[in-house]
Amino acid sequence: MSTVWHVCSVVVHVNTERMAAVSDALEKLPNVDVAASNSDTGKIVVVLESDSEDTLLKHIASIRELAGVLAVSLVYHQLDEQSQGEEIP
């Protein structure tokens, strides 16, 4: 039996005055990692991971709803297949 692990990255464009608040909110989401940010441009690169594509979509939707978020753009999506008992690197 195998399971699928989804990994995606998004760029979150944020009002520069709300960068800290949005970054803090992103850090609180499970399986979400703020990989990079630039307060001058108001952009945050976020990596999301889940065993469910629906969970990723819900996280992206919740990111869009954060105060100060102007846009969320999907940049990358990958499926890693894992056999039972095998660890994902």
PDB file of N, CA and C in Angstrom:
ATOM      1  N   MET A   1       0.842  -1.181   0.000  1.00  0.00           N
ATOM      2  CA  MET A   1       0.000   0.000   0.000  1.00  0.00           C
ATOM      3  C   MET A   1       0.887   1.244   0.000  1.00  0.00           C
ATOM      4  N   SER A   2       0.504   2.230  -0.769  1.00  0.00           N
ATOM      5  CA  SER A   2       1.295   3.454  -0.811  1.00  0.00           C
ATOM      6  C   SER A   2       0.411   4.652  -0.485  1.00  0.00           C
ATOM      7  N   THR A   3       1.042   5.681   0.027  1.00  0.00           N
ATOM      8  CA  THR A   3       0.351   6.930   0.310  1.00  0.00           C
ATOM      9  C   THR A   3       1.030   8.037  -0.481  1.00  0.00           C
ATOM     10  N   VAL A   4       0.314   9.109  -0.647  1.00  0.00           N
ATOM     11  CA  VAL A   4       0.829  10.236  -1.415  1.00  0.00           C
ATOM     12  C   VAL A   4       1.046  11.405  -0.460  1.00  0.00           C
ATOM     13  N   TRP A   5       2.156  12.090  -0.616  1.00  0.00           N
ATOM     14  CA  TRP A   5       2.486  13.264   0.176  1.00  0.00           C
ATOM     15  C   TRP A   5       2.595  14.441  -0.779  1.00  0.00           C
ATOM     16  N   HIS A   6       1.822  15.479  -0.541  1.00  0.00           N
ATOM     17  CA  HIS A   6       1.802  16.665  -1.393  1.00  0.00           C
ATOM     18  C   HIS A   6       2.715  17.738  -0.816  1.00  0.00           C
ATOM     19  N   VAL A   7       3.504  18.340  -1.680  1.00  0.00           N
ATOM     20  CA  VAL A   7       4.353  19.468  -1.302  1.00  0.00           C
ATOM     21  C   VAL A   7       4.097  20.570  -2.324  1.00  0.00           C
ATOM     22  N   CYS A   8       3.843  21.771  -1.849  1.00  0.00           N
ATOM     23  CA  CYS A   8       3.675  22.880  -2.786  1.00  0.00           C
ATOM     24  C   CYS A   8       4.290  24.137  -2.192  1.00  0.00           C
ATOM     25  N   SER A   9       4.560  25.078  -3.065  1.00  0.00           N
ATOM     26  CA  SER A   9       5.031  26.378  -2.602  1.00  0.00           C
ATOM     27  C   SER A   9       4.151  27.453  -3.225  1.00  0.00           C
ATOM     28  N   VAL A  10       3.959  28.502  -2.451  1.00  0.00           N
ATOM     29  CA  VAL A  10       3.171  29.637  -2.911  1.00  0.00           C
ATOM     30  C   VAL A  10       3.924  30.918  -2.579  1.00  0.00           C
ATOM     31  N   VAL A  11       3.655  31.941  -3.368  1.00  0.00           N
ATOM     32  CA  VAL A  11       4.142  33.278  -3.053  1.00  0.00           C
ATOM     33  C   VAL A  11       2.933  34.066  -2.563  1.00  0.00           C
ATOM     34  N   VAL A  12       3.077  34.632  -1.383  1.00  0.00           N
ATOM     35  CA  VAL A  12       2.011  35.424  -0.777  1.00  0.00           C
ATOM     36  C   VAL A  12       2.419  36.892  -0.884  1.00  0.00           C
ATOM     37  N   HIS A  13       1.608  37.669  -1.595  1.00  0.00           N
ATOM     38  CA  HIS A  13       1.870  39.102  -1.732  1.00  0.00           C
ATOM     39  C   HIS A  13       1.059  39.813  -0.652  1.00  0.00           C
ATOM     40  N   VAL A  14       1.761  40.589   0.178  1.00  0.00           N
ATOM     41  CA  VAL A  14       1.166  41.153   1.387  1.00  0.00           C
ATOM     42  C   VAL A  14       1.369  42.665   1.418  1.00  0.00           C
ATOM     43  N   ASN A  15       0.396  43.377   1.966  1.00  0.00           N
ATOM     44  CA  ASN A  15       0.577  44.792   2.273  1.00  0.00           C
ATOM     45  C   ASN A  15       1.766  44.884   3.218  1.00  0.00           C
ATOM     46  N   THR A  16       2.764  45.692   2.872  1.00  0.00           N
ATOM     47  CA  THR A  16       4.011  45.727   3.650  1.00  0.00           C
ATOM     48  C   THR A  16       3.788  46.080   5.118  1.00  0.00           C
ATOM     49  N   GLU A  17       2.738  46.813   5.422  1.00  0.00           N
ATOM     50  CA  GLU A  17       2.444  47.162   6.814  1.00  0.00           C
ATOM     51  C   GLU A  17       1.962  45.953   7.618  1.00  0.00           C
ATOM     52  N   ARG A  18       1.542  44.887   6.951  1.00  0.00           N
ATOM     53  CA  ARG A  18       0.991  43.700   7.620  1.00  0.00           C
ATOM     54  C   ARG A  18       1.928  42.498   7.556  1.00  0.00           C
ATOM     55  N   MET A  19       3.172  42.710   7.089  1.00  0.00           N
ATOM     56  CA  MET A  19       4.113  41.587   6.919  1.00  0.00           C
ATOM     57  C   MET A  19       4.298  40.779   8.196  1.00  0.00           C
ATOM     58  N   ALA A  20       4.568  41.425   9.301  1.00  0.00           N
ATOM     59  CA  ALA A  20       4.844  40.709  10.554  1.00  0.00           C
ATOM     60  C   ALA A  20       3.631  39.912  11.005  1.00  0.00           C
ATOM     61  N   ALA A  21       2.455  40.511  10.941  1.00  0.00           N
ATOM     62  CA  ALA A  21       1.239  39.823  11.379  1.00  0.00           C
ATOM     63  C   ALA A  21       0.936  38.618  10.495  1.00  0.00           C
ATOM     64  N   VAL A  22       1.098  38.776   9.186  1.00  0.00           N
ATOM     65  CA  VAL A  22       0.837  37.665   8.269  1.00  0.00           C
ATOM     66  C   VAL A  22       1.868  36.563   8.476  1.00  0.00           C
ATOM     67  N   SER A  23       3.130  36.910   8.617  1.00  0.00           N
ATOM     68  CA  SER A  23       4.173  35.903   8.867  1.00  0.00           C
ATOM     69  C   SER A  23       3.884  35.121  10.140  1.00  0.00           C
ATOM     70  N   ASP A  24       3.479  35.817  11.197  1.00  0.00           N
ATOM     71  CA  ASP A  24       3.141  35.146  12.456  1.00  0.00           C
ATOM     72  C   ASP A  24       1.970  34.184  12.274  1.00  0.00           C
ATOM     73  N   ALA A  25       0.952  34.622  11.544  1.00  0.00           N
ATOM     74  CA  ALA A  25      -0.215  33.768  11.305  1.00  0.00           C
ATOM     75  C   ALA A  25       0.163  32.538  10.486  1.00  0.00           C
ATOM     76  N   LEU A  26       1.037  32.705   9.497  1.00  0.00           N
ATOM     77  CA  LEU A  26       1.472  31.579   8.668  1.00  0.00           C
ATOM     78  C   LEU A  26       2.239  30.556   9.492  1.00  0.00           C
ATOM     79  N   GLU A  27       3.081  31.021  10.396  1.00  0.00           N
ATOM     80  CA  GLU A  27       3.889  30.123  11.229  1.00  0.00           C
ATOM     81  C   GLU A  27       3.020  29.249  12.128  1.00  0.00           C
ATOM     82  N   LYS A  28       1.809  29.683  12.417  1.00  0.00           N
ATOM     83  CA  LYS A  28       0.912  28.931  13.298  1.00  0.00           C
ATOM     84  C   LYS A  28       0.157  27.823  12.574  1.00  0.00           C
ATOM     85  N   LEU A  29       0.141  27.850  11.248  1.00  0.00           N
ATOM     86  CA  LEU A  29      -0.557  26.811  10.490  1.00  0.00           C
ATOM     87  C   LEU A  29       0.265  25.524  10.493  1.00  0.00           C
ATOM     88  N   PRO A  30      -0.386  24.369  10.659  1.00  0.00           N
ATOM     89  CA  PRO A  30       0.357  23.103  10.659  1.00  0.00           C
ATOM     90  C   PRO A  30       0.932  22.784   9.281  1.00  0.00           C
ATOM     91  N   ASN A  31       2.134  22.232   9.264  1.00  0.00           N
ATOM     92  CA  ASN A  31       2.823  21.822   8.032  1.00  0.00           C
ATOM     93  C   ASN A  31       3.013  22.966   7.046  1.00  0.00           C
ATOM     94  N   VAL A  32       3.172  24.167   7.572  1.00  0.00           N
ATOM     95  CA  VAL A  32       3.421  25.355   6.761  1.00  0.00           C
ATOM     96  C   VAL A  32       4.742  25.958   7.222  1.00  0.00           C
ATOM     97  N   ASP A  33       5.611  26.256   6.257  1.00  0.00           N
ATOM     98  CA  ASP A  33       6.921  26.813   6.574  1.00  0.00           C
ATOM     99  C   ASP A  33       7.139  28.087   5.767  1.00  0.00           C
ATOM    100  N   VAL A  34       7.464  29.169   6.454  1.00  0.00           N
ATOM    101  CA  VAL A  34       7.831  30.406   5.765  1.00  0.00           C
ATOM    102  C   VAL A  34       9.290  30.252   5.351  1.00  0.00           C
ATOM    103  N   ALA A  35       9.514  30.076   4.045  1.00  0.00           N
ATOM    104  CA  ALA A  35      10.859  29.802   3.533  1.00  0.00           C
ATOM    105  C   ALA A  35      11.668  31.078   3.325  1.00  0.00           C
ATOM    106  N   ALA A  36      10.997  32.159   2.947  1.00  0.00           N
ATOM    107  CA  ALA A  36      11.691  33.427   2.696  1.00  0.00           C
ATOM    108  C   ALA A  36      10.669  34.554   2.711  1.00  0.00           C
ATOM    109  N   SER A  37      11.153  35.747   3.004  1.00  0.00           N
ATOM    110  CA  SER A  37      10.269  36.909   2.934  1.00  0.00           C
ATOM    111  C   SER A  37      11.088  38.152   2.630  1.00  0.00           C
ATOM    112  N   ASN A  38      10.417  39.128   2.039  1.00  0.00           N
ATOM    113  CA  ASN A  38      11.056  40.398   1.708  1.00  0.00           C
ATOM    114  C   ASN A  38      10.077  41.509   2.068  1.00  0.00           C
ATOM    115  N   SER A  39      10.369  42.222   3.130  1.00  0.00           N
ATOM    116  CA  SER A  39       9.451  43.263   3.595  1.00  0.00           C
ATOM    117  C   SER A  39       9.410  44.470   2.657  1.00  0.00           C
ATOM    118  N   ASP A  40      10.436  44.645   1.826  1.00  0.00           N
ATOM    119  CA  ASP A  40      10.431  45.755   0.867  1.00  0.00           C
ATOM    120  C   ASP A  40       9.413  45.530  -0.248  1.00  0.00           C
ATOM    121  N   THR A  41       9.304  44.276  -0.711  1.00  0.00           N
ATOM    122  CA  THR A  41       8.380  43.959  -1.803  1.00  0.00           C
ATOM    123  C   THR A  41       7.047  43.421  -1.301  1.00  0.00           C
ATOM    124  N   GLY A  42       6.990  43.042  -0.024  1.00  0.00           N
ATOM    125  CA  GLY A  42       5.760  42.489   0.529  1.00  0.00           C
ATOM    126  C   GLY A  42       5.482  41.081   0.053  1.00  0.00           C
ATOM    127  N   LYS A  43       6.534  40.305  -0.188  1.00  0.00           N
ATOM    128  CA  LYS A  43       6.347  38.938  -0.677  1.00  0.00           C
ATOM    129  C   LYS A  43       6.901  37.930   0.322  1.00  0.00           C
ATOM    130  N   ILE A  44       6.150  36.847   0.495  1.00  0.00           N
ATOM    131  CA  ILE A  44       6.538  35.764   1.385  1.00  0.00           C
ATOM    132  C   ILE A  44       6.455  34.464   0.597  1.00  0.00           C
ATOM    133  N   VAL A  45       7.517  33.660   0.645  1.00  0.00           N
ATOM    134  CA  VAL A  45       7.519  32.335   0.018  1.00  0.00           C
ATOM    135  C   VAL A  45       7.173  31.325   1.104  1.00  0.00           C
ATOM    136  N   VAL A  46       6.153  30.521   0.829  1.00  0.00           N
ATOM    137  CA  VAL A  46       5.642  29.571   1.809  1.00  0.00           C
ATOM    138  C   VAL A  46       5.654  28.168   1.208  1.00  0.00           C
ATOM    139  N   VAL A  47       6.107  27.186   1.991  1.00  0.00           N
ATOM    140  CA  VAL A  47       6.074  25.779   1.597  1.00  0.00           C
ATOM    141  C   VAL A  47       5.013  25.092   2.449  1.00  0.00           C
ATOM    142  N   LEU A  48       4.114  24.362   1.787  1.00  0.00           N
ATOM    143  CA  LEU A  48       3.045  23.639   2.467  1.00  0.00           C
ATOM    144  C   LEU A  48       3.190  22.158   2.168  1.00  0.00           C
ATOM    145  N   GLU A  49       2.905  21.315   3.155  1.00  0.00           N
ATOM    146  CA  GLU A  49       2.982  19.865   2.987  1.00  0.00           C
ATOM    147  C   GLU A  49       1.749  19.223   3.607  1.00  0.00           C
ATOM    148  N   SER A  50       1.266  18.145   2.977  1.00  0.00           N
ATOM    149  CA  SER A  50       0.124  17.423   3.524  1.00  0.00           C
ATOM    150  C   SER A  50      -0.037  16.095   2.800  1.00  0.00           C
ATOM    151  N   ASP A  51      -0.757  15.182   3.433  1.00  0.00           N
ATOM    152  CA  ASP A  51      -1.085  13.926   2.766  1.00  0.00           C
ATOM    153  C   ASP A  51      -2.381  14.058   1.975  1.00  0.00           C
ATOM    154  N   SER A  52      -2.951  15.259   1.970  1.00  0.00           N
ATOM    155  CA  SER A  52      -4.224  15.493   1.302  1.00  0.00           C
ATOM    156  C   SER A  52      -4.177  16.782   0.484  1.00  0.00           C
ATOM    157  N   GLU A  53      -4.565  16.676  -0.767  1.00  0.00           N
ATOM    158  CA  GLU A  53      -4.633  17.862  -1.616  1.00  0.00           C
ATOM    159  C   GLU A  53      -5.695  18.830  -1.093  1.00  0.00           C
ATOM    160  N   ASP A  54      -6.787  18.282  -0.551  1.00  0.00           N
ATOM    161  CA  ASP A  54      -7.840  19.128   0.014  1.00  0.00           C
ATOM    162  C   ASP A  54      -7.316  19.990   1.158  1.00  0.00           C
ATOM    163  N   THR A  55      -6.457  19.416   1.999  1.00  0.00           N
ATOM    164  CA  THR A  55      -5.882  20.176   3.110  1.00  0.00           C
ATOM    165  C   THR A  55      -5.037  21.327   2.586  1.00  0.00           C
ATOM    166  N   LEU A  56      -4.248  21.065   1.542  1.00  0.00           N
ATOM    167  CA  LEU A  56      -3.448  22.144   0.946  1.00  0.00           C
ATOM    168  C   LEU A  56      -4.348  23.264   0.432  1.00  0.00           C
ATOM    169  N   LEU A  57      -5.414  22.887  -0.248  1.00  0.00           N
ATOM    170  CA  LEU A  57      -6.331  23.890  -0.790  1.00  0.00           C
ATOM    171  C   LEU A  57      -6.988  24.701   0.325  1.00  0.00           C
ATOM    172  N   LYS A  58      -7.319  24.035   1.431  1.00  0.00           N
ATOM    173  CA  LYS A  58      -7.906  24.748   2.572  1.00  0.00           C
ATOM    174  C   LYS A  58      -6.902  25.719   3.188  1.00  0.00           C
ATOM    175  N   HIS A  59      -5.640  25.289   3.290  1.00  0.00           N
ATOM    176  CA  HIS A  59      -4.601  26.186   3.814  1.00  0.00           C
ATOM    177  C   HIS A  59      -4.424  27.397   2.897  1.00  0.00           C
ATOM    178  N   ILE A  60      -4.391  27.163   1.594  1.00  0.00           N
ATOM    179  CA  ILE A  60      -4.240  28.272   0.644  1.00  0.00           C
ATOM    180  C   ILE A  60      -5.424  29.228   0.759  1.00  0.00           C
ATOM    181  N   ALA A  61      -6.633  28.680   0.881  1.00  0.00           N
ATOM    182  CA  ALA A  61      -7.823  29.523   1.036  1.00  0.00           C
ATOM    183  C   ALA A  61      -7.756  30.327   2.331  1.00  0.00           C
ATOM    184  N   SER A  62      -7.283  29.709   3.410  1.00  0.00           N
ATOM    185  CA  SER A  62      -7.196  30.439   4.681  1.00  0.00           C
ATOM    186  C   SER A  62      -6.111  31.515   4.626  1.00  0.00           C
ATOM    187  N   ILE A  63      -5.043  31.266   3.873  1.00  0.00           N
ATOM    188  CA  ILE A  63      -4.000  32.288   3.695  1.00  0.00           C
ATOM    189  C   ILE A  63      -4.580  33.490   2.954  1.00  0.00           C
ATOM    190  N   ARG A  64      -5.397  33.221   1.925  1.00  0.00           N
ATOM    191  CA  ARG A  64      -6.026  34.315   1.161  1.00  0.00           C
ATOM    192  C   ARG A  64      -6.894  35.208   2.051  1.00  0.00           C
ATOM    193  N   GLU A  65      -7.469  34.627   3.094  1.00  0.00           N
ATOM    194  CA  GLU A  65      -8.390  35.356   3.967  1.00  0.00           C
ATOM    195  C   GLU A  65      -7.689  36.183   5.043  1.00  0.00           C
ATOM    196  N   LEU A  66      -6.376  36.025   5.207  1.00  0.00           N
ATOM    197  CA  LEU A  66      -5.657  36.779   6.236  1.00  0.00           C
ATOM    198  C   LEU A  66      -5.663  38.272   5.907  1.00  0.00           C
ATOM    199  N   ALA A  67      -5.871  39.084   6.925  1.00  0.00           N
ATOM    200  CA  ALA A  67      -5.874  40.540   6.733  1.00  0.00           C
ATOM    201  C   ALA A  67      -4.515  40.991   6.216  1.00  0.00           C
ATOM    202  N   GLY A  68      -4.536  41.743   5.127  1.00  0.00           N
ATOM    203  CA  GLY A  68      -3.298  42.253   4.542  1.00  0.00           C
ATOM    204  C   GLY A  68      -2.798  41.457   3.359  1.00  0.00           C
ATOM    205  N   VAL A  69      -3.350  40.259   3.133  1.00  0.00           N
ATOM    206  CA  VAL A  69      -2.930  39.446   1.988  1.00  0.00           C
ATOM    207  C   VAL A  69      -3.611  39.979   0.734  1.00  0.00           C
ATOM    208  N   LEU A  70      -2.801  40.282  -0.269  1.00  0.00           N
ATOM    209  CA  LEU A  70      -3.308  40.808  -1.533  1.00  0.00           C
ATOM    210  C   LEU A  70      -3.516  39.711  -2.563  1.00  0.00           C
ATOM    211  N   ALA A  71      -2.616  38.708  -2.572  1.00  0.00           N
ATOM    212  CA  ALA A  71      -2.703  37.619  -3.549  1.00  0.00           C
ATOM    213  C   ALA A  71      -1.885  36.430  -3.060  1.00  0.00           C
ATOM    214  N   VAL A  72      -2.315  35.240  -3.485  1.00  0.00           N
ATOM    215  CA  VAL A  72      -1.576  34.004  -3.222  1.00  0.00           C
ATOM    216  C   VAL A  72      -1.412  33.300  -4.561  1.00  0.00           C
ATOM    217  N   SER A  73      -0.167  33.031  -4.954  1.00  0.00           N
ATOM    218  CA  SER A  73       0.109  32.409  -6.251  1.00  0.00           C
ATOM    219  C   SER A  73       0.811  31.074  -6.056  1.00  0.00           C
ATOM    220  N   LEU A  74       0.208  30.011  -6.598  1.00  0.00           N
ATOM    221  CA  LEU A  74       0.832  28.696  -6.560  1.00  0.00           C
ATOM    222  C   LEU A  74       2.016  28.697  -7.516  1.00  0.00           C
ATOM    223  N   VAL A  75       3.178  28.287  -7.005  1.00  0.00           N
ATOM    224  CA  VAL A  75       4.393  28.281  -7.810  1.00  0.00           C
ATOM    225  C   VAL A  75       4.801  26.858  -8.159  1.00  0.00           C
ATOM    226  N   TYR A  76       4.563  25.919  -7.245  1.00  0.00           N
ATOM    227  CA  TYR A  76       5.080  24.560  -7.415  1.00  0.00           C
ATOM    228  C   TYR A  76       4.181  23.583  -6.676  1.00  0.00           C
ATOM    229  N   HIS A  77       3.990  22.397  -7.269  1.00  0.00           N
ATOM    230  CA  HIS A  77       3.258  21.314  -6.602  1.00  0.00           C
ATOM    231  C   HIS A  77       3.892  19.994  -7.004  1.00  0.00           C
ATOM    232  N   GLN A  78       4.150  19.162  -6.012  1.00  0.00           N
ATOM    233  CA  GLN A  78       4.776  17.858  -6.265  1.00  0.00           C
ATOM    234  C   GLN A  78       4.065  16.801  -5.439  1.00  0.00           C
ATOM    235  N   LEU A  79       3.949  15.603  -6.017  1.00  0.00           N
ATOM    236  CA  LEU A  79       3.413  14.446  -5.309  1.00  0.00           C
ATOM    237  C   LEU A  79       4.549  13.475  -5.074  1.00  0.00           C
ATOM    238  N   ASP A  80       4.748  13.102  -3.825  1.00  0.00           N
ATOM    239  CA  ASP A  80       5.718  12.069  -3.486  1.00  0.00           C
ATOM    240  C   ASP A  80       4.940  10.845  -3.051  1.00  0.00           C
ATOM    241  N   GLU A  81       5.205   9.729  -3.698  1.00  0.00           N
ATOM    242  CA  GLU A  81       4.529   8.491  -3.331  1.00  0.00           C
ATOM    243  C   GLU A  81       5.407   7.716  -2.368  1.00  0.00           C
ATOM    244  N   GLN A  82       4.789   7.197  -1.321  1.00  0.00           N
ATOM    245  CA  GLN A  82       5.513   6.495  -0.271  1.00  0.00           C
ATOM    246  C   GLN A  82       4.880   5.125  -0.067  1.00  0.00           C
ATOM    247  N   SER A  83       5.711   4.088  -0.090  1.00  0.00           N
ATOM    248  CA  SER A  83       5.229   2.750   0.224  1.00  0.00           C
ATOM    249  C   SER A  83       5.133   2.613   1.729  1.00  0.00           C
ATOM    250  N   GLN A  84       4.247   1.738   2.181  1.00  0.00           N
ATOM    251  CA  GLN A  84       4.071   1.550   3.615  1.00  0.00           C
ATOM    252  C   GLN A  84       5.390   1.137   4.256  1.00  0.00           C
ATOM    253  N   GLY A  85       5.752   1.786   5.358  1.00  0.00           N
ATOM    254  CA  GLY A  85       6.997   1.489   6.052  1.00  0.00           C
ATOM    255  C   GLY A  85       8.186   2.284   5.550  1.00  0.00           C
ATOM    256  N   GLU A  86       8.044   2.961   4.426  1.00  0.00           N
ATOM    257  CA  GLU A  86       9.127   3.763   3.853  1.00  0.00           C
ATOM    258  C   GLU A  86       8.985   5.205   4.331  1.00  0.00           C
ATOM    259  N   GLU A  87      10.087   5.805   4.726  1.00  0.00           N
ATOM    260  CA  GLU A  87      10.067   7.194   5.173  1.00  0.00           C
ATOM    261  C   GLU A  87      10.244   8.133   3.996  1.00  0.00           C
ATOM    262  N   ILE A  88       9.564   9.254   4.070  1.00  0.00           N
ATOM    263  CA  ILE A  88       9.756  10.301   3.069  1.00  0.00           C
ATOM    264  C   ILE A  88      10.979  11.103   3.484  1.00  0.00           C
ATOM    265  N   PRO A  89      11.942  11.280   2.581  1.00  0.00           N
ATOM    266  CA  PRO A  89      13.175  12.005   2.951  1.00  0.00           C
ATOM    267  C   PRO A  89      12.904  13.447   3.309  1.00  0.00           C
TER     268      PRO A  89
END
